Amino acid sequence: MIALSQIEVKKDESFEAALRRFKKKIEQEGILKEVRDRKHYEKPSERRRKRAKMRRQ
């Protein structure tokens, strides 16, 4: 399950700065990676095949 992340916009903080902090927090929590992984289901056998191929190289 993906947890909701929040930041509080500080007084006199620009939108761009708040967005930067939010993106950094999301990245640190690993939420983007999880979303990308869940975007397309990959069967466990396909995962094993990819890992084995990477090891051979």
C-alpha atoms as a PDB file:
ATOM      1  CA  MET A   1       0.000   0.000   0.000  1.00  0.00           C
ATOM      2  CA  ILE A   2       1.255   3.445  -0.854  1.00  0.00           C
ATOM      3  CA  ALA A   3       1.247   5.898   2.026  1.00  0.00           C
ATOM      4  CA  LEU A   4       0.245   9.492   1.468  1.00  0.00           C
ATOM      5  CA  SER A   5       3.126  11.916   1.847  1.00  0.00           C
ATOM      6  CA  GLN A   6       2.631  15.449   2.968  1.00  0.00           C
ATOM      7  CA  ILE A   7       4.702  18.540   3.488  1.00  0.00           C
ATOM      8  CA  GLU A   8       3.696  21.813   5.019  1.00  0.00           C
ATOM      9  CA  VAL A   9       4.442  24.892   2.983  1.00  0.00           C
ATOM     10  CA  LYS A  10       6.514  27.239   5.103  1.00  0.00           C
ATOM     11  CA  LYS A  11       5.698  30.891   5.426  1.00  0.00           C
ATOM     12  CA  ASP A  12       7.034  32.887   2.450  1.00  0.00           C
ATOM     13  CA  GLU A  13       8.128  29.673   0.669  1.00  0.00           C
ATOM     14  CA  SER A  14       7.662  29.593  -3.088  1.00  0.00           C
ATOM     15  CA  PHE A  15       5.642  26.903  -4.778  1.00  0.00           C
ATOM     16  CA  GLU A  16       8.737  25.665  -6.621  1.00  0.00           C
ATOM     17  CA  ALA A  17      10.682  25.227  -3.374  1.00  0.00           C
ATOM     18  CA  ALA A  18       7.806  23.346  -1.756  1.00  0.00           C
ATOM     19  CA  LEU A  19       7.452  21.113  -4.817  1.00  0.00           C
ATOM     20  CA  ARG A  20      11.213  20.386  -4.718  1.00  0.00           C
ATOM     21  CA  ARG A  21      10.962  19.367  -1.054  1.00  0.00           C
ATOM     22  CA  PHE A  22       7.937  17.180  -1.818  1.00  0.00           C
ATOM     23  CA  LYS A  23       9.684  15.408  -4.708  1.00  0.00           C
ATOM     24  CA  LYS A  24      12.756  14.812  -2.544  1.00  0.00           C
ATOM     25  CA  LYS A  25      10.609  13.327   0.234  1.00  0.00           C
ATOM     26  CA  ILE A  26       8.776  11.050  -2.211  1.00  0.00           C
ATOM     27  CA  GLU A  27      12.100   9.843  -3.622  1.00  0.00           C
ATOM     28  CA  GLN A  28      13.542   9.150  -0.172  1.00  0.00           C
ATOM     29  CA  GLU A  29      10.479   7.133   0.828  1.00  0.00           C
ATOM     30  CA  GLY A  30      10.752   5.006  -2.314  1.00  0.00           C
ATOM     31  CA  ILE A  31       7.213   5.768  -3.434  1.00  0.00           C
ATOM     32  CA  LEU A  32       8.140   6.564  -7.038  1.00  0.00           C
ATOM     33  CA  LYS A  33       9.994   3.278  -7.403  1.00  0.00           C
ATOM     34  CA  GLU A  34       7.023   1.366  -6.031  1.00  0.00           C
ATOM     35  CA  VAL A  35       4.608   3.116  -8.375  1.00  0.00           C
ATOM     36  CA  ARG A  36       6.815   2.346 -11.371  1.00  0.00           C
ATOM     37  CA  ASP A  37       7.118  -1.294 -10.281  1.00  0.00           C
ATOM     38  CA  ARG A  38       3.350  -1.631  -9.928  1.00  0.00           C
ATOM     39  CA  LYS A  39       2.547   0.097 -13.203  1.00  0.00           C
ATOM     40  CA  HIS A  40       2.957  -3.140 -15.167  1.00  0.00           C
ATOM     41  CA  TYR A  41       2.669  -6.516 -13.500  1.00  0.00           C
ATOM     42  CA  GLU A  42       5.628  -8.756 -14.072  1.00  0.00           C
ATOM     43  CA  LYS A  43       5.338 -12.462 -13.415  1.00  0.00           C
ATOM     44  CA  PRO A  44       7.888 -13.887 -10.949  1.00  0.00           C
ATOM     45  CA  SER A  45       9.323 -16.134 -13.682  1.00  0.00           C
ATOM     46  CA  GLU A  46       9.985 -13.067 -15.850  1.00  0.00           C
ATOM     47  CA  ARG A  47      11.728 -11.368 -12.929  1.00  0.00           C
ATOM     48  CA  ARG A  48      13.980 -14.391 -12.399  1.00  0.00           C
ATOM     49  CA  ARG A  49      14.798 -14.514 -16.102  1.00  0.00           C
ATOM     50  CA  LYS A  50      15.784 -10.819 -16.109  1.00  0.00           C
ATOM     51  CA  ARG A  51      17.985 -11.211 -13.023  1.00  0.00           C
ATOM     52  CA  ALA A  52      19.708 -14.265 -14.491  1.00  0.00           C
ATOM     53  CA  LYS A  53      20.334 -12.412 -17.754  1.00  0.00           C
ATOM     54  CA  MET A  54      21.826  -9.433 -15.881  1.00  0.00           C
ATOM     55  CA  ARG A  55      24.175 -11.722 -13.941  1.00  0.00           C
ATOM     56  CA  ARG A  56      25.442 -13.364 -17.128  1.00  0.00           C
ATOM     57  CA  GLN A  57      26.485 -10.047 -18.647  1.00  0.00           C
END
